[in-house]
């Protein structure tokens, strides 16, 4: 009995030490399953990546705006006669581009009212001219050094004789390769007021990053969300 038991134990131990003994059939299905899951993951990633690229490639906008601010016809009752005010407002917008391009944070900030608000596309919210100047000193001498502004104008709407909203598309760039209108990735709303000294200054600025793929998905799933200008 002892020798028989010992022999059985010995056989059992040898079986455990043999990687190809009895357990190998169980391992093969696991390997096949892992391989199948891996292939499925790669296929899904390829489909997902291709879908993303397709959505991005088909998300072009039609309403690109106008390059020249002074060619935009103001809207609101009687606003079409305010070409002098429009030109003055456009002068402020041109000065924004010029002072940014020179890296002149003080000159840039002087175009805003003392209590102006400034909201960036990343969600940073600045209050007051001093806050705007200080932040742009850091930006224009830091990772946005030597950058320039590019933009187009979507509309100029007078809310009153002394208040106007300018909407447009914009972006920053470096070097001489100015982006095309279709490449501008931000939507911008600029509210200007005429102050007591007769000068137009910016009271509020809001910058929004366009999410082209999310916008395209929204238009596909809910067509009524598409703006009139894009239909």
Protein backbone atom coordinates (compact mmCIF):
# COMPACT_ATOMS: atom_id res chain seq x y z
CA UNK A 1 0.00 0.00 0.00
CA UNK A 2 2.77 2.39 0.90
CA UNK A 3 4.70 1.79 -2.29
CA UNK A 4 1.53 2.09 -4.38
CA UNK A 5 0.63 5.38 -2.76
CA UNK A 6 4.16 6.65 -3.19
CA UNK A 7 4.07 5.68 -6.83
CA UNK A 8 0.84 7.59 -7.34
CA UNK A 9 2.27 10.64 -5.66
CA UNK A 10 5.35 10.39 -7.81
CA UNK A 11 3.27 10.17 -10.98
CA UNK A 12 1.15 13.13 -9.88
CA UNK A 13 4.23 15.24 -9.24
CA UNK A 14 5.70 14.40 -12.62
CA UNK A 15 2.42 15.37 -14.25
CA UNK A 16 2.46 18.73 -12.48
CA UNK A 17 6.01 19.36 -13.62
CA UNK A 18 5.22 18.53 -17.23
CA UNK A 19 3.87 21.71 -18.94
CA UNK A 20 2.52 19.71 -21.84
CA UNK A 21 0.68 17.12 -19.72
CA UNK A 22 -3.16 17.29 -19.65
CA UNK A 23 -3.40 21.10 -18.99
CA UNK A 24 -2.24 22.16 -22.43
CA UNK A 25 -5.66 21.60 -24.10
CA UNK A 26 -7.21 24.02 -21.59
CA UNK A 27 -4.62 26.68 -22.35
CA UNK A 28 -5.21 26.69 -26.08
CA UNK A 29 -8.79 28.07 -25.92
CA UNK A 30 -7.57 30.82 -23.61
CA UNK A 31 -4.87 31.80 -26.08
CA UNK A 32 -7.38 31.80 -28.92
CA UNK A 33 -9.73 33.97 -26.87
CA UNK A 34 -6.97 36.46 -26.06
CA UNK A 35 -5.94 36.56 -29.72
CA UNK A 36 -9.54 37.13 -30.81
CA UNK A 37 -10.02 39.90 -28.26
CA UNK A 38 -6.79 41.55 -29.41
CA UNK A 39 -7.87 41.44 -33.05
CA UNK A 40 -11.29 42.83 -32.12
CA UNK A 41 -9.69 45.70 -30.19
CA UNK A 42 -7.48 46.58 -33.15
CA UNK A 43 -10.44 46.44 -35.52
CA UNK A 44 -12.56 48.66 -33.29
CA UNK A 45 -9.70 51.14 -32.95
CA UNK A 46 -9.30 51.23 -36.73
CA UNK A 47 -13.03 51.75 -37.25
CA UNK A 48 -13.15 54.38 -34.53
CA UNK A 49 -10.10 56.20 -35.89
CA UNK A 50 -11.48 56.09 -39.40
CA UNK A 51 -14.84 57.38 -38.19
CA UNK A 52 -13.20 60.24 -36.34
CA UNK A 53 -11.19 61.21 -39.43
CA UNK A 54 -14.33 61.08 -41.56
CA UNK A 55 -16.28 63.26 -39.14
CA UNK A 56 -13.41 65.74 -38.99
CA UNK A 57 -13.03 65.82 -42.79
CA UNK A 58 -16.75 66.44 -43.32
CA UNK A 59 -17.16 69.13 -40.66
CA UNK A 60 -16.34 72.13 -42.88
CA UNK A 61 -18.31 75.31 -42.26
CA UNK A 62 -19.94 77.41 -44.99
CA UNK A 63 -20.19 80.70 -43.11
CA UNK A 64 -16.51 81.65 -43.02
CA UNK A 65 -16.98 85.39 -42.55
CA UNK A 66 -15.49 88.39 -44.31
CA UNK A 67 -11.80 89.27 -44.21
CA UNK A 68 -12.33 93.05 -44.24
CA UNK A 69 -14.12 94.47 -41.22
CA UNK A 70 -15.14 97.65 -43.04
CA UNK A 71 -16.95 95.64 -45.72
CA UNK A 72 -19.42 94.22 -43.18
CA UNK A 73 -22.84 95.90 -43.28
CA UNK A 74 -23.96 96.68 -39.71
CA UNK A 75 -27.29 95.22 -38.58
CA UNK A 76 -30.08 96.49 -36.28
CA UNK A 77 -32.60 99.22 -36.96
CA UNK A 78 -30.94 102.16 -38.70
CA UNK A 79 -27.49 100.60 -38.27
CA UNK A 80 -26.80 100.61 -42.00
CA UNK A 81 -26.31 104.37 -41.76
CA UNK A 82 -23.66 104.07 -39.05
CA UNK A 83 -20.73 103.50 -41.35
CA UNK A 84 -18.65 106.06 -39.43
CA UNK A 85 -19.19 104.19 -36.18
CA UNK A 86 -18.56 100.88 -37.90
CA UNK A 87 -15.25 102.15 -39.25
CA UNK A 88 -14.25 103.37 -35.80
CA UNK A 89 -15.11 99.99 -34.30
CA UNK A 90 -13.16 98.25 -37.07
CA UNK A 91 -10.22 100.49 -36.21
CA UNK A 92 -10.24 99.06 -32.68
CA UNK A 93 -10.31 95.53 -34.06
CA UNK A 94 -7.37 96.29 -36.35
CA UNK A 95 -5.46 97.75 -33.40
CA UNK A 96 -6.02 94.50 -31.49
CA UNK A 97 -4.26 92.60 -34.27
CA UNK A 98 -1.45 95.16 -34.55
CA UNK A 99 -0.64 95.40 -30.83
CA UNK A 100 -0.72 91.61 -30.44
CA UNK A 101 1.63 91.22 -33.39
CA UNK A 102 4.08 93.67 -31.78
CA UNK A 103 3.89 91.83 -28.45
CA UNK A 104 2.60 95.07 -26.89
CA UNK A 105 0.50 93.94 -23.92
CA UNK A 106 0.07 97.52 -22.62
CA UNK A 107 -1.18 98.75 -25.98
CA UNK A 108 -3.43 95.71 -26.27
CA UNK A 109 -4.94 96.31 -22.84
CA UNK A 110 -5.52 100.01 -23.59
CA UNK A 111 -8.15 98.94 -26.13
CA UNK A 112 -10.31 97.59 -23.29
CA UNK A 113 -12.41 99.45 -20.73
CA UNK A 114 -11.03 99.56 -17.19
CA UNK A 115 -13.65 97.06 -16.01
CA UNK A 116 -13.60 94.83 -19.10
CA UNK A 117 -13.97 91.06 -18.90
CA UNK A 118 -11.96 88.62 -20.99
CA UNK A 119 -12.75 84.90 -21.29
CA UNK A 120 -10.30 82.63 -23.10
CA UNK A 121 -11.08 79.42 -25.03
CA UNK A 122 -9.65 77.35 -22.17
CA UNK A 123 -12.06 78.98 -19.73
CA UNK A 124 -9.76 81.45 -17.98
CA UNK A 125 -11.75 84.53 -17.01
CA UNK A 126 -10.03 87.89 -16.45
CA UNK A 127 -11.65 90.92 -14.90
CA UNK A 128 -10.39 94.45 -15.50
CA UNK A 129 -7.79 96.01 -17.78
CA UNK A 130 -4.91 95.39 -15.36
CA UNK A 131 -5.73 91.66 -15.25
CA UNK A 132 -5.86 91.54 -19.05
CA UNK A 133 -2.54 93.37 -19.42
CA UNK A 134 -0.72 91.23 -16.86
CA UNK A 135 -1.91 87.97 -18.39
CA UNK A 136 -0.95 89.06 -21.89
CA UNK A 137 2.49 90.18 -20.78
CA UNK A 138 3.04 86.60 -19.72
CA UNK A 139 1.45 85.14 -22.86
CA UNK A 140 3.19 87.38 -25.39
CA UNK A 141 6.60 86.86 -23.80
CA UNK A 142 5.96 83.15 -23.22
CA UNK A 143 4.45 80.40 -25.33
CA UNK A 144 2.65 82.91 -27.62
CA UNK A 145 5.76 84.99 -28.24
CA UNK A 146 6.10 86.13 -31.88
CA UNK A 147 2.57 84.96 -32.65
CA UNK A 148 0.07 86.91 -34.72
CA UNK A 149 -3.70 87.12 -34.97
CA UNK A 150 -5.76 86.04 -37.96
CA UNK A 151 -9.50 86.47 -38.28
CA UNK A 152 -12.65 87.07 -40.27
CA UNK A 153 -15.86 88.93 -39.40
CA UNK A 154 -19.27 87.31 -39.23
CA UNK A 155 -21.28 90.32 -38.14
CA UNK A 156 -21.42 93.78 -36.58
CA UNK A 157 -24.62 94.39 -34.63
CA UNK A 158 -25.40 97.69 -32.91
CA UNK A 159 -27.44 97.16 -29.75
CA UNK A 160 -27.68 100.91 -29.25
CA UNK A 161 -25.94 104.04 -30.49
CA UNK A 162 -23.09 103.35 -28.06
CA UNK A 163 -22.96 99.55 -27.87
CA UNK A 164 -21.99 97.09 -30.58
CA UNK A 165 -21.33 93.34 -30.78
CA UNK A 166 -18.75 92.06 -33.25
CA UNK A 167 -18.69 88.33 -34.01
CA UNK A 168 -16.03 86.52 -35.99
CA UNK A 169 -13.66 83.63 -36.43
CA UNK A 170 -10.05 83.81 -35.28
CA UNK A 171 -6.82 82.10 -34.40
CA UNK A 172 -3.15 82.68 -33.67
CA UNK A 173 -0.26 81.74 -35.94
CA UNK A 174 3.48 82.21 -36.29
CA UNK A 175 5.68 82.85 -39.30
CA UNK A 176 4.31 83.93 -42.66
CA UNK A 177 1.79 81.12 -43.22
CA UNK A 178 -1.41 82.91 -42.29
CA UNK A 179 -4.24 80.39 -41.88
CA UNK A 180 -7.07 80.25 -44.38
CA UNK A 181 -10.55 81.24 -43.24
CA UNK A 182 -11.57 77.56 -43.17
CA UNK A 183 -8.70 76.82 -40.77
CA UNK A 184 -9.68 79.36 -38.10
CA UNK A 185 -10.56 77.26 -35.07
CA UNK A 186 -12.14 79.79 -32.70
CA UNK A 187 -15.40 81.72 -32.55
CA UNK A 188 -15.11 85.13 -30.93
CA UNK A 189 -17.60 87.63 -29.55
CA UNK A 190 -16.41 91.16 -28.84
CA UNK A 191 -18.67 93.75 -27.20
CA UNK A 192 -17.59 97.38 -27.55
CA UNK A 193 -18.96 100.54 -25.96
CA UNK A 194 -18.43 104.20 -26.74
CA UNK A 195 -17.08 105.81 -23.58
CA UNK A 196 -17.44 109.40 -22.36
CA UNK A 197 -14.35 110.54 -24.29
CA UNK A 198 -15.98 109.35 -27.53
CA UNK A 199 -13.60 106.40 -27.99
CA UNK A 200 -14.82 102.89 -28.67
CA UNK A 201 -13.33 100.31 -26.31
CA UNK A 202 -13.90 96.62 -25.64
CA UNK A 203 -16.11 95.91 -22.62
CA UNK A 204 -16.22 92.13 -22.99
CA UNK A 205 -14.44 89.50 -25.06
CA UNK A 206 -15.31 85.80 -25.27
CA UNK A 207 -13.27 83.20 -27.16
CA UNK A 208 -14.65 79.71 -27.92
CA UNK A 209 -12.75 76.76 -29.41
CA UNK A 210 -14.77 75.07 -32.15
CA UNK A 211 -15.10 71.33 -31.54
CA UNK A 212 -15.53 70.24 -35.16
CA UNK A 213 -16.16 66.51 -34.57
CA UNK A 214 -18.62 67.07 -31.73
CA UNK A 215 -20.41 69.67 -33.84
CA UNK A 216 -20.63 67.24 -36.77
CA UNK A 217 -22.04 64.50 -34.54
CA UNK A 218 -24.61 66.94 -33.19
CA UNK A 219 -25.71 67.90 -36.70
CA UNK A 220 -26.03 64.23 -37.73
CA UNK A 221 -28.00 63.12 -34.66
CA UNK A 222 -30.10 66.27 -34.45
CA UNK A 223 -30.20 68.15 -37.79
CA UNK A 224 -32.23 71.00 -36.30
CA UNK A 225 -29.20 72.04 -34.25
CA UNK A 226 -27.45 73.15 -37.44
CA UNK A 227 -27.32 76.96 -37.76
CA UNK A 228 -29.32 78.50 -40.61
CA UNK A 229 -26.11 79.69 -42.30
CA UNK A 230 -24.80 76.11 -42.40
CA UNK A 231 -27.90 74.50 -43.95
